[in-house]
Amino acid sequence: RDAPSLVIIPELQASGAQVAAYDPEGVEMARPMLPGVEFADD
């Protein structure tokens, strides 16, 4: 909820960036909210 990543990442993607991301606990919650992001294991 209100995570800055939900604003920052789509803006970067709209500018043409390919985004990889990692979060120790939030990947499963973030995955459906951030399409097109490559999620890493660490």
ModelCIF file with pLDDT and N, C-alpha, C, O atoms, coordinates in Angstrom:
data_MODEL
#
_entry.id   MODEL 
#
_entity.id                         1 
_entity.type                       polymer 
_entity.pdbx_number_of_molecules   1 
#
_entity_poly.entity_id                      1 
_entity_poly.type                           'polypeptide(L)' 
_entity_poly.nstd_linkage                   no 
_entity_poly.nstd_monomer                   no 
_entity_poly.pdbx_seq_one_letter_code       RDAPSLVIIPELQASGAQVAAYDPEGVEMARPMLPGVEFADD 
_entity_poly.pdbx_seq_one_letter_code_can   RDAPSLVIIPELQASGAQVAAYDPEGVEMARPMLPGVEFADD 
_entity_poly.pdbx_strand_id                 A 
#
loop_
_entity_poly_seq.entity_id 
_entity_poly_seq.num 
_entity_poly_seq.mon_id 
_entity_poly_seq.hetero 
1 1  ARG n 
1 2  ASP n 
1 3  ALA n 
1 4  PRO n 
1 5  SER n 
1 6  LEU n 
1 7  VAL n 
1 8  ILE n 
1 9  ILE n 
1 10 PRO n 
1 11 GLU n 
1 12 LEU n 
1 13 GLN n 
1 14 ALA n 
1 15 SER n 
1 16 GLY n 
1 17 ALA n 
1 18 GLN n 
1 19 VAL n 
1 20 ALA n 
1 21 ALA n 
1 22 TYR n 
1 23 ASP n 
1 24 PRO n 
1 25 GLU n 
1 26 GLY n 
1 27 VAL n 
1 28 GLU n 
1 29 MET n 
1 30 ALA n 
1 31 ARG n 
1 32 PRO n 
1 33 MET n 
1 34 LEU n 
1 35 PRO n 
1 36 GLY n 
1 37 VAL n 
1 38 GLU n 
1 39 PHE n 
1 40 ALA n 
1 41 ASP n 
1 42 ASP n 
#
_struct_asym.id          A 
_struct_asym.entity_id   1 
#
loop_
_ma_qa_metric.id 
_ma_qa_metric.mode 
_ma_qa_metric.name 
_ma_qa_metric.software_group_id 
_ma_qa_metric.type 
1 global pLDDT . pLDDT 
2 local  pLDDT . pLDDT 
#
_ma_qa_metric_global.metric_id      1 
_ma_qa_metric_global.metric_value   97.38 
_ma_qa_metric_global.model_id       1 
_ma_qa_metric_global.ordinal_id     1 
#
loop_
_ma_qa_metric_local.label_asym_id 
_ma_qa_metric_local.label_comp_id 
_ma_qa_metric_local.label_seq_id 
_ma_qa_metric_local.metric_id 
_ma_qa_metric_local.metric_value 
_ma_qa_metric_local.model_id 
_ma_qa_metric_local.ordinal_id 
A ARG 1  2 95.00 1 1  
A ASP 2  2 95.00 1 2  
A ALA 3  2 97.00 1 3  
A PRO 4  2 96.00 1 4  
A SER 5  2 98.00 1 5  
A LEU 6  2 98.00 1 6  
A VAL 7  2 97.00 1 7  
A ILE 8  2 97.00 1 8  
A ILE 9  2 98.00 1 9  
A PRO 10 2 98.00 1 10 
A GLU 11 2 97.00 1 11 
A LEU 12 2 97.00 1 12 
A GLN 13 2 98.00 1 13 
A ALA 14 2 98.00 1 14 
A SER 15 2 97.00 1 15 
A GLY 16 2 97.00 1 16 
A ALA 17 2 97.00 1 17 
A GLN 18 2 97.00 1 18 
A VAL 19 2 98.00 1 19 
A ALA 20 2 98.00 1 20 
A ALA 21 2 98.00 1 21 
A TYR 22 2 98.00 1 22 
A ASP 23 2 98.00 1 23 
A PRO 24 2 97.00 1 24 
A GLU 25 2 97.00 1 25 
A GLY 26 2 97.00 1 26 
A VAL 27 2 97.00 1 27 
A GLU 28 2 97.00 1 28 
A MET 29 2 97.00 1 29 
A ALA 30 2 98.00 1 30 
A ARG 31 2 97.00 1 31 
A PRO 32 2 98.00 1 32 
A MET 33 2 98.00 1 33 
A LEU 34 2 98.00 1 34 
A PRO 35 2 98.00 1 35 
A GLY 36 2 98.00 1 36 
A VAL 37 2 98.00 1 37 
A GLU 38 2 98.00 1 38 
A PHE 39 2 98.00 1 39 
A ALA 40 2 98.00 1 40 
A ASP 41 2 97.00 1 41 
A ASP 42 2 97.00 1 42 
#
loop_
_atom_site.group_PDB 
_atom_site.id 
_atom_site.type_symbol 
_atom_site.label_atom_id 
_atom_site.label_alt_id 
_atom_site.label_comp_id 
_atom_site.label_asym_id 
_atom_site.label_entity_id 
_atom_site.label_seq_id 
_atom_site.pdbx_PDB_ins_code 
_atom_site.Cartn_x 
_atom_site.Cartn_y 
_atom_site.Cartn_z 
_atom_site.occupancy 
_atom_site.B_iso_or_equiv 
_atom_site.pdbx_formal_charge 
_atom_site.auth_seq_id 
_atom_site.auth_comp_id 
_atom_site.auth_asym_id 
_atom_site.auth_atom_id 
_atom_site.pdbx_PDB_model_num 
ATOM 1   N N  . ARG A 1 1  ? 0.842  -1.199  0.000   1.00 95.00 ? 1  ARG A N  1 
ATOM 2   C CA . ARG A 1 1  ? 0.000  0.000   0.000   1.00 95.00 ? 1  ARG A CA 1 
ATOM 3   C C  . ARG A 1 1  ? 0.874  1.245   0.000   1.00 95.00 ? 1  ARG A C  1 
ATOM 4   O O  . ARG A 1 1  ? 1.773  1.378   0.830   1.00 95.00 ? 1  ARG A O  1 
ATOM 5   N N  . ASP A 1 2  ? 0.615  2.142   -0.915  1.00 95.00 ? 2  ASP A N  1 
ATOM 6   C CA . ASP A 1 2  ? 1.337  3.404   -1.033  1.00 95.00 ? 2  ASP A CA 1 
ATOM 7   C C  . ASP A 1 2  ? 2.836  3.227   -1.242  1.00 95.00 ? 2  ASP A C  1 
ATOM 8   O O  . ASP A 1 2  ? 3.606  4.139   -0.940  1.00 95.00 ? 2  ASP A O  1 
ATOM 9   N N  . ALA A 1 3  ? 3.261  2.086   -1.746  1.00 97.00 ? 3  ALA A N  1 
ATOM 10  C CA . ALA A 1 3  ? 4.683  1.851   -1.990  1.00 97.00 ? 3  ALA A CA 1 
ATOM 11  C C  . ALA A 1 3  ? 5.180  2.746   -3.130  1.00 97.00 ? 3  ALA A C  1 
ATOM 12  O O  . ALA A 1 3  ? 4.557  2.790   -4.190  1.00 97.00 ? 3  ALA A O  1 
ATOM 13  N N  . PRO A 1 4  ? 6.281  3.452   -2.930  1.00 96.00 ? 4  PRO A N  1 
ATOM 14  C CA . PRO A 1 4  ? 6.832  4.303   -3.989  1.00 96.00 ? 4  PRO A CA 1 
ATOM 15  C C  . PRO A 1 4  ? 7.168  3.523   -5.262  1.00 96.00 ? 4  PRO A C  1 
ATOM 16  O O  . PRO A 1 4  ? 7.142  4.081   -6.358  1.00 96.00 ? 4  PRO A O  1 
ATOM 17  N N  . SER A 1 5  ? 7.479  2.254   -5.119  1.00 98.00 ? 5  SER A N  1 
ATOM 18  C CA . SER A 1 5  ? 7.816  1.447   -6.298  1.00 98.00 ? 5  SER A CA 1 
ATOM 19  C C  . SER A 1 5  ? 6.661  1.387   -7.290  1.00 98.00 ? 5  SER A C  1 
ATOM 20  O O  . SER A 1 5  ? 6.887  1.239   -8.491  1.00 98.00 ? 5  SER A O  1 
ATOM 21  N N  . LEU A 1 6  ? 5.418  1.501   -6.800  1.00 98.00 ? 6  LEU A N  1 
ATOM 22  C CA . LEU A 1 6  ? 4.249  1.444   -7.680  1.00 98.00 ? 6  LEU A CA 1 
ATOM 23  C C  . LEU A 1 6  ? 4.120  2.672   -8.562  1.00 98.00 ? 6  LEU A C  1 
ATOM 24  O O  . LEU A 1 6  ? 3.378  2.655   -9.544  1.00 98.00 ? 6  LEU A O  1 
ATOM 25  N N  . VAL A 1 7  ? 4.827  3.728   -8.227  1.00 97.00 ? 7  VAL A N  1 
ATOM 26  C CA . VAL A 1 7  ? 4.857  4.942   -9.047  1.00 97.00 ? 7  VAL A CA 1 
ATOM 27  C C  . VAL A 1 7  ? 6.148  4.998   -9.855  1.00 97.00 ? 7  VAL A C  1 
ATOM 28  O O  . VAL A 1 7  ? 6.129  5.275   -11.054 1.00 97.00 ? 7  VAL A O  1 
ATOM 29  N N  . ILE A 1 8  ? 7.264  4.735   -9.192  1.00 97.00 ? 8  ILE A N  1 
ATOM 30  C CA . ILE A 1 8  ? 8.579  4.869   -9.822  1.00 97.00 ? 8  ILE A CA 1 
ATOM 31  C C  . ILE A 1 8  ? 8.774  3.891   -10.973 1.00 97.00 ? 8  ILE A C  1 
ATOM 32  O O  . ILE A 1 8  ? 9.194  4.282   -12.062 1.00 97.00 ? 8  ILE A O  1 
ATOM 33  N N  . ILE A 1 9  ? 8.470  2.627   -10.734 1.00 98.00 ? 9  ILE A N  1 
ATOM 34  C CA . ILE A 1 9  ? 8.734  1.608   -11.753 1.00 98.00 ? 9  ILE A CA 1 
ATOM 35  C C  . ILE A 1 9  ? 7.901  1.818   -13.016 1.00 98.00 ? 9  ILE A C  1 
ATOM 36  O O  . ILE A 1 9  ? 8.474  1.774   -14.104 1.00 98.00 ? 9  ILE A O  1 
ATOM 37  N N  . PRO A 1 10 ? 6.585  2.043   -12.944 1.00 98.00 ? 10 PRO A N  1 
ATOM 38  C CA . PRO A 1 10 ? 5.835  2.291   -14.180 1.00 98.00 ? 10 PRO A CA 1 
ATOM 39  C C  . PRO A 1 10 ? 6.322  3.529   -14.948 1.00 98.00 ? 10 PRO A C  1 
ATOM 40  O O  . PRO A 1 10 ? 6.296  3.548   -16.179 1.00 98.00 ? 10 PRO A O  1 
ATOM 41  N N  . GLU A 1 11 ? 6.761  4.547   -14.227 1.00 97.00 ? 11 GLU A N  1 
ATOM 42  C CA . GLU A 1 11 ? 7.296  5.745   -14.911 1.00 97.00 ? 11 GLU A CA 1 
ATOM 43  C C  . GLU A 1 11 ? 8.581  5.404   -15.665 1.00 97.00 ? 11 GLU A C  1 
ATOM 44  O O  . GLU A 1 11 ? 8.776  5.842   -16.799 1.00 97.00 ? 11 GLU A O  1 
ATOM 45  N N  . LEU A 1 12 ? 9.446  4.629   -15.036 1.00 97.00 ? 12 LEU A N  1 
ATOM 46  C CA . LEU A 1 12 ? 10.675 4.213   -15.721 1.00 97.00 ? 12 LEU A CA 1 
ATOM 47  C C  . LEU A 1 12 ? 10.358 3.344   -16.935 1.00 97.00 ? 12 LEU A C  1 
ATOM 48  O O  . LEU A 1 12 ? 10.967 3.504   -17.993 1.00 97.00 ? 12 LEU A O  1 
ATOM 49  N N  . GLN A 1 13 ? 9.407  2.425   -16.781 1.00 98.00 ? 13 GLN A N  1 
ATOM 50  C CA . GLN A 1 13 ? 9.009  1.573   -17.898 1.00 98.00 ? 13 GLN A CA 1 
ATOM 51  C C  . GLN A 1 13 ? 8.423  2.403   -19.039 1.00 98.00 ? 13 GLN A C  1 
ATOM 52  O O  . GLN A 1 13 ? 8.687  2.119   -20.208 1.00 98.00 ? 13 GLN A O  1 
ATOM 53  N N  . ALA A 1 14 ? 7.634  3.418   -18.713 1.00 98.00 ? 14 ALA A N  1 
ATOM 54  C CA . ALA A 1 14 ? 7.050  4.283   -19.738 1.00 98.00 ? 14 ALA A CA 1 
ATOM 55  C C  . ALA A 1 14 ? 8.126  5.044   -20.501 1.00 98.00 ? 14 ALA A C  1 
ATOM 56  O O  . ALA A 1 14 ? 7.923  5.446   -21.647 1.00 98.00 ? 14 ALA A O  1 
ATOM 57  N N  . SER A 1 15 ? 9.270  5.235   -19.856 1.00 97.00 ? 15 SER A N  1 
ATOM 58  C CA . SER A 1 15 ? 10.402 5.917   -20.504 1.00 97.00 ? 15 SER A CA 1 
ATOM 59  C C  . SER A 1 15 ? 11.298 4.933   -21.252 1.00 97.00 ? 15 SER A C  1 
ATOM 60  O O  . SER A 1 15 ? 12.317 5.330   -21.818 1.00 97.00 ? 15 SER A O  1 
ATOM 61  N N  . GLY A 1 16 ? 10.926 3.661   -21.258 1.00 97.00 ? 16 GLY A N  1 
ATOM 62  C CA . GLY A 1 16 ? 11.672 2.665   -22.010 1.00 97.00 ? 16 GLY A CA 1 
ATOM 63  C C  . GLY A 1 16 ? 12.622 1.803   -21.195 1.00 97.00 ? 16 GLY A C  1 
ATOM 64  O O  . GLY A 1 16 ? 13.336 0.976   -21.762 1.00 97.00 ? 16 GLY A O  1 
ATOM 65  N N  . ALA A 1 17 ? 12.648 1.974   -19.891 1.00 97.00 ? 17 ALA A N  1 
ATOM 66  C CA . ALA A 1 17 ? 13.551 1.184   -19.054 1.00 97.00 ? 17 ALA A CA 1 
ATOM 67  C C  . ALA A 1 17 ? 13.045 -0.245  -18.877 1.00 97.00 ? 17 ALA A C  1 
ATOM 68  O O  . ALA A 1 17 ? 11.843 -0.485  -18.769 1.00 97.00 ? 17 ALA A O  1 
ATOM 69  N N  . GLN A 1 18 ? 13.973 -1.173  -18.851 1.00 97.00 ? 18 GLN A N  1 
ATOM 70  C CA . GLN A 1 18 ? 13.683 -2.545  -18.457 1.00 97.00 ? 18 GLN A CA 1 
ATOM 71  C C  . GLN A 1 18 ? 14.052 -2.625  -16.987 1.00 97.00 ? 18 GLN A C  1 
ATOM 72  O O  . GLN A 1 18 ? 15.161 -2.249  -16.608 1.00 97.00 ? 18 GLN A O  1 
ATOM 73  N N  . VAL A 1 19 ? 13.152 -3.101  -16.165 1.00 98.00 ? 19 VAL A N  1 
ATOM 74  C CA . VAL A 1 19 ? 13.345 -3.062  -14.724 1.00 98.00 ? 19 VAL A CA 1 
ATOM 75  C C  . VAL A 1 19 ? 13.462 -4.467  -14.144 1.00 98.00 ? 19 VAL A C  1 
ATOM 76  O O  . VAL A 1 19 ? 12.630 -5.339  -14.394 1.00 98.00 ? 19 VAL A O  1 
ATOM 77  N N  . ALA A 1 20 ? 14.523 -4.655  -13.361 1.00 98.00 ? 20 ALA A N  1 
ATOM 78  C CA . ALA A 1 20 ? 14.684 -5.851  -12.535 1.00 98.00 ? 20 ALA A CA 1 
ATOM 79  C C  . ALA A 1 20 ? 14.522 -5.397  -11.099 1.00 98.00 ? 20 ALA A C  1 
ATOM 80  O O  . ALA A 1 20 ? 14.938 -4.294  -10.743 1.00 98.00 ? 20 ALA A O  1 
ATOM 81  N N  . ALA A 1 21 ? 13.919 -6.238  -10.270 1.00 98.00 ? 21 ALA A N  1 
ATOM 82  C CA . ALA A 1 21 ? 13.657 -5.834  -8.894  1.00 98.00 ? 21 ALA A CA 1 
ATOM 83  C C  . ALA A 1 21 ? 13.839 -6.993  -7.939  1.00 98.00 ? 21 ALA A C  1 
ATOM 84  O O  . ALA A 1 21 ? 13.703 -8.162  -8.298  1.00 98.00 ? 21 ALA A O  1 
ATOM 85  N N  . TYR A 1 22 ? 14.152 -6.624  -6.707  1.00 98.00 ? 22 TYR A N  1 
ATOM 86  C CA . TYR A 1 22 ? 14.261 -7.602  -5.624  1.00 98.00 ? 22 TYR A CA 1 
ATOM 87  C C  . TYR A 1 22 ? 13.742 -6.975  -4.341  1.00 98.00 ? 22 TYR A C  1 
ATOM 88  O O  . TYR A 1 22 ? 14.016 -5.812  -4.044  1.00 98.00 ? 22 TYR A O  1 
ATOM 89  N N  . ASP A 1 23 ? 12.990 -7.763  -3.589  1.00 98.00 ? 23 ASP A N  1 
ATOM 90  C CA . ASP A 1 23 ? 12.532 -7.374  -2.262  1.00 98.00 ? 23 ASP A CA 1 
ATOM 91  C C  . ASP A 1 23 ? 12.530 -8.641  -1.413  1.00 98.00 ? 23 ASP A C  1 
ATOM 92  O O  . ASP A 1 23 ? 12.030 -9.674  -1.858  1.00 98.00 ? 23 ASP A O  1 
ATOM 93  N N  . PRO A 1 24 ? 13.077 -8.585  -0.204  1.00 97.00 ? 24 PRO A N  1 
ATOM 94  C CA . PRO A 1 24 ? 13.153 -9.791  0.622   1.00 97.00 ? 24 PRO A CA 1 
ATOM 95  C C  . PRO A 1 24 ? 11.808 -10.442 0.953   1.00 97.00 ? 24 PRO A C  1 
ATOM 96  O O  . PRO A 1 24 ? 11.744 -11.660 1.124   1.00 97.00 ? 24 PRO A O  1 
ATOM 97  N N  . GLU A 1 25 ? 10.745 -9.663  1.045   1.00 97.00 ? 25 GLU A N  1 
ATOM 98  C CA . GLU A 1 25 ? 9.445  -10.242 1.416   1.00 97.00 ? 25 GLU A CA 1 
ATOM 99  C C  . GLU A 1 25 ? 8.295  -9.869  0.487   1.00 97.00 ? 25 GLU A C  1 
ATOM 100 O O  . GLU A 1 25 ? 7.257  -10.529 0.518   1.00 97.00 ? 25 GLU A O  1 
ATOM 101 N N  . GLY A 1 26 ? 8.444  -8.845  -0.329  1.00 97.00 ? 26 GLY A N  1 
ATOM 102 C CA . GLY A 1 26 ? 7.307  -8.315  -1.060  1.00 97.00 ? 26 GLY A CA 1 
ATOM 103 C C  . GLY A 1 26 ? 7.105  -8.747  -2.490  1.00 97.00 ? 26 GLY A C  1 
ATOM 104 O O  . GLY A 1 26 ? 6.184  -8.264  -3.148  1.00 97.00 ? 26 GLY A O  1 
ATOM 105 N N  . VAL A 1 27 ? 7.941  -9.647  -2.998  1.00 97.00 ? 27 VAL A N  1 
ATOM 106 C CA . VAL A 1 27 ? 7.853  -9.998  -4.416  1.00 97.00 ? 27 VAL A CA 1 
ATOM 107 C C  . VAL A 1 27 ? 6.492  -10.569 -4.793  1.00 97.00 ? 27 VAL A C  1 
ATOM 108 O O  . VAL A 1 27 ? 5.916  -10.166 -5.804  1.00 97.00 ? 27 VAL A O  1 
ATOM 109 N N  . GLU A 1 28 ? 5.977  -11.483 -4.014  1.00 97.00 ? 28 GLU A N  1 
ATOM 110 C CA . GLU A 1 28 ? 4.698  -12.109 -4.379  1.00 97.00 ? 28 GLU A CA 1 
ATOM 111 C C  . GLU A 1 28 ? 3.545  -11.107 -4.383  1.00 97.00 ? 28 GLU A C  1 
ATOM 112 O O  . GLU A 1 28 ? 2.651  -11.205 -5.224  1.00 97.00 ? 28 GLU A O  1 
ATOM 113 N N  . MET A 1 29 ? 3.552  -10.159 -3.473  1.00 97.00 ? 29 MET A N  1 
ATOM 114 C CA . MET A 1 29 ? 2.515  -9.119  -3.468  1.00 97.00 ? 29 MET A CA 1 
ATOM 115 C C  . MET A 1 29 ? 2.723  -8.137  -4.623  1.00 97.00 ? 29 MET A C  1 
ATOM 116 O O  . MET A 1 29 ? 1.759  -7.643  -5.208  1.00 97.00 ? 29 MET A O  1 
ATOM 117 N N  . ALA A 1 30 ? 3.990  -7.861  -4.944  1.00 98.00 ? 30 ALA A N  1 
ATOM 118 C CA . ALA A 1 30 ? 4.305  -6.871  -5.979  1.00 98.00 ? 30 ALA A CA 1 
ATOM 119 C C  . ALA A 1 30 ? 4.104  -7.413  -7.395  1.00 98.00 ? 30 ALA A C  1 
ATOM 120 O O  . ALA A 1 30 ? 3.733  -6.662  -8.297  1.00 98.00 ? 30 ALA A O  1 
ATOM 121 N N  . ARG A 1 31 ? 4.342  -8.683  -7.590  1.00 97.00 ? 31 ARG A N  1 
ATOM 122 C CA . ARG A 1 31 ? 4.325  -9.274  -8.938  1.00 97.00 ? 31 ARG A CA 1 
ATOM 123 C C  . ARG A 1 31 ? 3.075  -8.902  -9.743  1.00 97.00 ? 31 ARG A C  1 
ATOM 124 O O  . ARG A 1 31 ? 3.223  -8.450  -10.878 1.00 97.00 ? 31 ARG A O  1 
ATOM 125 N N  . PRO A 1 32 ? 1.854  -9.067  -9.222  1.00 98.00 ? 32 PRO A N  1 
ATOM 126 C CA . PRO A 1 32 ? 0.687  -8.714  -10.046 1.00 98.00 ? 32 PRO A CA 1 
ATOM 127 C C  . PRO A 1 32 ? 0.505  -7.202  -10.227 1.00 98.00 ? 32 PRO A C  1 
ATOM 128 O O  . PRO A 1 32 ? -0.218 -6.771  -11.125 1.00 98.00 ? 32 PRO A O  1 
ATOM 129 N N  . MET A 1 33 ? 1.147  -6.407  -9.392  1.00 98.00 ? 33 MET A N  1 
ATOM 130 C CA . MET A 1 33 ? 1.009  -4.955  -9.466  1.00 98.00 ? 33 MET A CA 1 
ATOM 131 C C  . MET A 1 33 ? 2.036  -4.308  -10.398 1.00 98.00 ? 33 MET A C  1 
ATOM 132 O O  . MET A 1 33 ? 1.892  -3.147  -10.782 1.00 98.00 ? 33 MET A O  1 
ATOM 133 N N  . LEU A 1 34 ? 3.071  -5.069  -10.756 1.00 98.00 ? 34 LEU A N  1 
ATOM 134 C CA . LEU A 1 34 ? 4.163  -4.507  -11.548 1.00 98.00 ? 34 LEU A CA 1 
ATOM 135 C C  . LEU A 1 34 ? 4.452  -5.393  -12.763 1.00 98.00 ? 34 LEU A C  1 
ATOM 136 O O  . LEU A 1 34 ? 5.472  -6.080  -12.803 1.00 98.00 ? 34 LEU A O  1 
ATOM 137 N N  . PRO A 1 35 ? 3.554  -5.375  -13.749 1.00 98.00 ? 35 PRO A N  1 
ATOM 138 C CA . PRO A 1 35 ? 3.781  -6.203  -14.940 1.00 98.00 ? 35 PRO A CA 1 
ATOM 139 C C  . PRO A 1 35 ? 5.033  -5.752  -15.695 1.00 98.00 ? 35 PRO A C  1 
ATOM 140 O O  . PRO A 1 35 ? 5.365  -4.567  -15.733 1.00 98.00 ? 35 PRO A O  1 
ATOM 141 N N  . GLY A 1 36 ? 5.702  -6.709  -16.280 1.00 98.00 ? 36 GLY A N  1 
ATOM 142 C CA . GLY A 1 36 ? 6.879  -6.407  -17.089 1.00 98.00 ? 36 GLY A CA 1 
ATOM 143 C C  . GLY A 1 36 ? 8.172  -6.305  -16.297 1.00 98.00 ? 36 GLY A C  1 
ATOM 144 O O  . GLY A 1 36 ? 9.236  -6.089  -16.877 1.00 98.00 ? 36 GLY A O  1 
ATOM 145 N N  . VAL A 1 37 ? 8.097  -6.455  -14.988 1.00 98.00 ? 37 VAL A N  1 
ATOM 146 C CA . VAL A 1 37 ? 9.288  -6.394  -14.153 1.00 98.00 ? 37 VAL A CA 1 
ATOM 147 C C  . VAL A 1 37 ? 9.888  -7.797  -14.048 1.00 98.00 ? 37 VAL A C  1 
ATOM 148 O O  . VAL A 1 37 ? 9.169  -8.781  -13.874 1.00 98.00 ? 37 VAL A O  1 
ATOM 149 N N  . GLU A 1 38 ? 11.200 -7.870  -14.154 1.00 98.00 ? 38 GLU A N  1 
ATOM 150 C CA . GLU A 1 38 ? 11.911 -9.130  -13.934 1.00 98.00 ? 38 GLU A CA 1 
ATOM 151 C C  . GLU A 1 38 ? 12.257 -9.198  -12.450 1.00 98.00 ? 38 GLU A C  1 
ATOM 152 O O  . GLU A 1 38 ? 12.975 -8.336  -11.942 1.00 98.00 ? 38 GLU A O  1 
ATOM 153 N N  . PHE A 1 39 ? 11.761 -10.200 -11.763 1.00 98.00 ? 39 PHE A N  1 
ATOM 154 C CA . PHE A 1 39 ? 11.993 -10.324 -10.328 1.00 98.00 ? 39 PHE A CA 1 
ATOM 155 C C  . PHE A 1 39 ? 13.157 -11.268 -10.072 1.00 98.00 ? 39 PHE A C  1 
ATOM 156 O O  . PHE A 1 39 ? 13.201 -12.377 -10.606 1.00 98.00 ? 39 PHE A O  1 
ATOM 157 N N  . ALA A 1 40 ? 14.100 -10.819 -9.249  1.00 98.00 ? 40 ALA A N  1 
ATOM 158 C CA . ALA A 1 40 ? 15.305 -11.586 -8.939  1.00 98.00 ? 40 ALA A CA 1 
ATOM 159 C C  . ALA A 1 40 ? 15.168 -12.278 -7.592  1.00 98.00 ? 40 ALA A C  1 
ATOM 160 O O  . ALA A 1 40 ? 14.337 -11.908 -6.762  1.00 98.00 ? 40 ALA A O  1 
ATOM 161 N N  . ASP A 1 41 ? 16.008 -13.298 -7.395  1.00 97.00 ? 41 ASP A N  1 
ATOM 162 C CA . ASP A 1 41 ? 15.988 -14.074 -6.157  1.00 97.00 ? 41 ASP A CA 1 
ATOM 163 C C  . ASP A 1 41 ? 16.799 -13.443 -5.031  1.00 97.00 ? 41 ASP A C  1 
ATOM 164 O O  . ASP A 1 41 ? 16.612 -13.788 -3.865  1.00 97.00 ? 41 ASP A O  1 
ATOM 165 N N  . ASP A 1 42 ? 17.703 -12.517 -5.372  1.00 97.00 ? 42 ASP A N  1 
ATOM 166 C CA . ASP A 1 42 ? 18.486 -11.821 -4.351  1.00 97.00 ? 42 ASP A CA 1 
ATOM 167 C C  . ASP A 1 42 ? 18.990 -10.500 -4.929  1.00 97.00 ? 42 ASP A C  1 
ATOM 168 O O  . ASP A 1 42 ? 19.677 -9.747  -4.238  1.00 97.00 ? 42 ASP A O  1 
#
